[in-house]
């Protein structure tokens, strides 16, 4: 899973294996160890009851939450991306999740 942050746009890209795991478990995550005792974790999760794509950030965890129906449609069709916006006070955050089946870096 790839995480890209550029300005106020957060993007997660998943390969085919990760998509299968997400469809099965409803959640996938990666972590990068930034210091001996600290890691940044980023997670993609299905959020039952959610109406829109959203992001939470707490305790070194970035969690992108997808509405259940949208996640199911994304996992089971040729739909390549889901996107949305989240208002954080005066700042708008754009969020995109994409299938990235062409490469593995």
C-alpha atoms as a PDB file:
ATOM      1  CA  UNK A   1       0.000   0.000   0.000  1.00  0.00           C
ATOM      2  CA  UNK A   2       1.334   3.405  -0.931  1.00  0.00           C
ATOM      3  CA  UNK A   3       0.625   6.630   0.908  1.00  0.00           C
ATOM      4  CA  UNK A   4       1.074   9.934  -0.864  1.00  0.00           C
ATOM      5  CA  UNK A   5       0.526  13.317   0.719  1.00  0.00           C
ATOM      6  CA  UNK A   6       0.798  16.423  -1.410  1.00  0.00           C
ATOM      7  CA  UNK A   7      -0.496  19.672   0.010  1.00  0.00           C
ATOM      8  CA  UNK A   8      -4.038  19.021   1.233  1.00  0.00           C
ATOM      9  CA  UNK A   9      -4.464  15.834  -0.826  1.00  0.00           C
ATOM     10  CA  UNK A  10      -3.979  12.410   0.753  1.00  0.00           C
ATOM     11  CA  UNK A  11      -3.907   9.408  -1.563  1.00  0.00           C
ATOM     12  CA  UNK A  12      -3.658   5.680  -0.879  1.00  0.00           C
ATOM     13  CA  UNK A  13      -2.913   3.206  -3.667  1.00  0.00           C
ATOM     14  CA  UNK A  14      -3.413  -0.542  -3.305  1.00  0.00           C
ATOM     15  CA  UNK A  15      -2.164  -3.457  -5.379  1.00  0.00           C
ATOM     16  CA  UNK A  16      -4.219  -6.550  -6.269  1.00  0.00           C
ATOM     17  CA  UNK A  17      -3.065  -8.575  -3.247  1.00  0.00           C
ATOM     18  CA  UNK A  18      -3.903  -5.724  -0.875  1.00  0.00           C
ATOM     19  CA  UNK A  19      -7.324  -5.311  -2.496  1.00  0.00           C
ATOM     20  CA  UNK A  20      -8.076  -8.991  -1.862  1.00  0.00           C
ATOM     21  CA  UNK A  21      -7.028  -8.608   1.780  1.00  0.00           C
ATOM     22  CA  UNK A  22      -9.121  -5.439   2.157  1.00  0.00           C
ATOM     23  CA  UNK A  23     -12.181  -7.084   0.581  1.00  0.00           C
ATOM     24  CA  UNK A  24     -11.799 -10.039   2.954  1.00  0.00           C
ATOM     25  CA  UNK A  25     -10.885  -8.317   6.223  1.00  0.00           C
ATOM     26  CA  UNK A  26     -12.289  -4.810   5.751  1.00  0.00           C
ATOM     27  CA  UNK A  27      -9.010  -3.278   6.884  1.00  0.00           C
ATOM     28  CA  UNK A  28      -5.364  -3.171   5.777  1.00  0.00           C
ATOM     29  CA  UNK A  29      -2.458  -1.207   7.192  1.00  0.00           C
ATOM     30  CA  UNK A  30       1.220  -0.444   6.769  1.00  0.00           C
ATOM     31  CA  UNK A  31       3.744   1.088   9.114  1.00  0.00           C
ATOM     32  CA  UNK A  32       7.035   2.868   8.719  1.00  0.00           C
ATOM     33  CA  UNK A  33       9.443   2.974  11.642  1.00  0.00           C
ATOM     34  CA  UNK A  34      10.589   6.598  11.900  1.00  0.00           C
ATOM     35  CA  UNK A  35      12.511   6.307  15.176  1.00  0.00           C
ATOM     36  CA  UNK A  36      13.478   3.393  17.438  1.00  0.00           C
ATOM     37  CA  UNK A  37      10.277   3.726  19.447  1.00  0.00           C
ATOM     38  CA  UNK A  38       7.937   5.511  17.000  1.00  0.00           C
ATOM     39  CA  UNK A  39       6.184   4.446  13.831  1.00  0.00           C
ATOM     40  CA  UNK A  40       3.729   6.098  11.496  1.00  0.00           C
ATOM     41  CA  UNK A  41       0.843   3.748  10.731  1.00  0.00           C
ATOM     42  CA  UNK A  42      -1.545   4.248   7.862  1.00  0.00           C
ATOM     43  CA  UNK A  43      -4.701   2.208   7.567  1.00  0.00           C
ATOM     44  CA  UNK A  44      -7.538   1.779   5.095  1.00  0.00           C
ATOM     45  CA  UNK A  45     -10.734   0.598   6.772  1.00  0.00           C
ATOM     46  CA  UNK A  46     -14.415   0.088   6.087  1.00  0.00           C
ATOM     47  CA  UNK A  47     -16.519   2.298   8.364  1.00  0.00           C
ATOM     48  CA  UNK A  48     -20.045   0.883   8.715  1.00  0.00           C
ATOM     49  CA  UNK A  49     -22.549   3.700   8.965  1.00  0.00           C
ATOM     50  CA  UNK A  50     -20.246   6.299   7.399  1.00  0.00           C
ATOM     51  CA  UNK A  51     -21.875   8.465   4.739  1.00  0.00           C
ATOM     52  CA  UNK A  52     -18.666   9.762   3.134  1.00  0.00           C
ATOM     53  CA  UNK A  53     -14.980   8.998   2.875  1.00  0.00           C
ATOM     54  CA  UNK A  54     -13.143  10.344   5.911  1.00  0.00           C
ATOM     55  CA  UNK A  55      -9.776  10.529   7.609  1.00  0.00           C
ATOM     56  CA  UNK A  56      -8.845  10.336  11.271  1.00  0.00           C
ATOM     57  CA  UNK A  57      -5.398  11.057  12.715  1.00  0.00           C
ATOM     58  CA  UNK A  58      -4.530  10.109  16.268  1.00  0.00           C
ATOM     59  CA  UNK A  59      -1.511   8.617  18.055  1.00  0.00           C
ATOM     60  CA  UNK A  60       0.640   8.347  14.894  1.00  0.00           C
ATOM     61  CA  UNK A  61      -2.180   6.594  12.998  1.00  0.00           C
ATOM     62  CA  UNK A  62      -3.692   7.923   9.785  1.00  0.00           C
ATOM     63  CA  UNK A  63      -6.912   6.028   9.122  1.00  0.00           C
ATOM     64  CA  UNK A  64      -8.819   6.473   5.879  1.00  0.00           C
ATOM     65  CA  UNK A  65     -12.402   5.307   6.385  1.00  0.00           C
ATOM     66  CA  UNK A  66     -14.658   4.258   3.545  1.00  0.00           C
ATOM     67  CA  UNK A  67     -18.436   3.931   3.678  1.00  0.00           C
ATOM     68  CA  UNK A  68     -19.337   0.247   3.569  1.00  0.00           C
ATOM     69  CA  UNK A  69     -21.392   0.289   0.352  1.00  0.00           C
ATOM     70  CA  UNK A  70     -18.802   2.357  -1.514  1.00  0.00           C
ATOM     71  CA  UNK A  71     -16.015   0.035  -0.333  1.00  0.00           C
ATOM     72  CA  UNK A  72     -17.925  -3.060  -1.460  1.00  0.00           C
ATOM     73  CA  UNK A  73     -18.562  -1.510  -4.878  1.00  0.00           C
ATOM     74  CA  UNK A  74     -14.897  -0.500  -5.201  1.00  0.00           C
ATOM     75  CA  UNK A  75     -13.700  -4.004  -4.271  1.00  0.00           C
ATOM     76  CA  UNK A  76     -16.092  -5.921  -6.524  1.00  0.00           C
ATOM     77  CA  UNK A  77     -16.126  -3.853  -9.732  1.00  0.00           C
ATOM     78  CA  UNK A  78     -13.769  -2.251 -12.241  1.00  0.00           C
ATOM     79  CA  UNK A  79     -14.120   1.052 -10.400  1.00  0.00           C
ATOM     80  CA  UNK A  80     -10.512   2.199  -9.970  1.00  0.00           C
ATOM     81  CA  UNK A  81     -10.860   5.013  -7.438  1.00  0.00           C
ATOM     82  CA  UNK A  82     -12.977   6.567  -4.729  1.00  0.00           C
ATOM     83  CA  UNK A  83     -12.517  10.154  -3.665  1.00  0.00           C
ATOM     84  CA  UNK A  84     -14.017  12.724  -1.408  1.00  0.00           C
ATOM     85  CA  UNK A  85     -13.308  15.733   0.730  1.00  0.00           C
ATOM     86  CA  UNK A  86     -13.262  16.339   4.452  1.00  0.00           C
ATOM     87  CA  UNK A  87     -13.585  19.765   5.999  1.00  0.00           C
ATOM     88  CA  UNK A  88     -11.091  20.278   8.835  1.00  0.00           C
ATOM     89  CA  UNK A  89     -11.984  23.684  10.195  1.00  0.00           C
ATOM     90  CA  UNK A  90     -11.142  26.187   7.475  1.00  0.00           C
ATOM     91  CA  UNK A  91      -9.076  23.645   5.495  1.00  0.00           C
ATOM     92  CA  UNK A  92     -10.469  21.134   3.016  1.00  0.00           C
ATOM     93  CA  UNK A  93      -8.648  17.790   2.771  1.00  0.00           C
ATOM     94  CA  UNK A  94      -9.024  15.837  -0.469  1.00  0.00           C
ATOM     95  CA  UNK A  95      -8.850  12.047  -0.103  1.00  0.00           C
ATOM     96  CA  UNK A  96      -8.434   9.468  -2.860  1.00  0.00           C
ATOM     97  CA  UNK A  97      -8.058   5.686  -2.712  1.00  0.00           C
ATOM     98  CA  UNK A  98      -6.989   3.945  -5.902  1.00  0.00           C
ATOM     99  CA  UNK A  99      -6.355   0.491  -7.268  1.00  0.00           C
ATOM    100  CA  UNK A 100      -2.739   0.341  -8.474  1.00  0.00           C
ATOM    101  CA  UNK A 101      -2.483  -2.966 -10.290  1.00  0.00           C
ATOM    102  CA  UNK A 102       0.244  -1.906 -12.748  1.00  0.00           C
ATOM    103  CA  UNK A 103       3.188  -1.549 -10.376  1.00  0.00           C
ATOM    104  CA  UNK A 104       4.673  -2.743  -7.102  1.00  0.00           C
ATOM    105  CA  UNK A 105       7.273  -0.476  -5.484  1.00  0.00           C
END
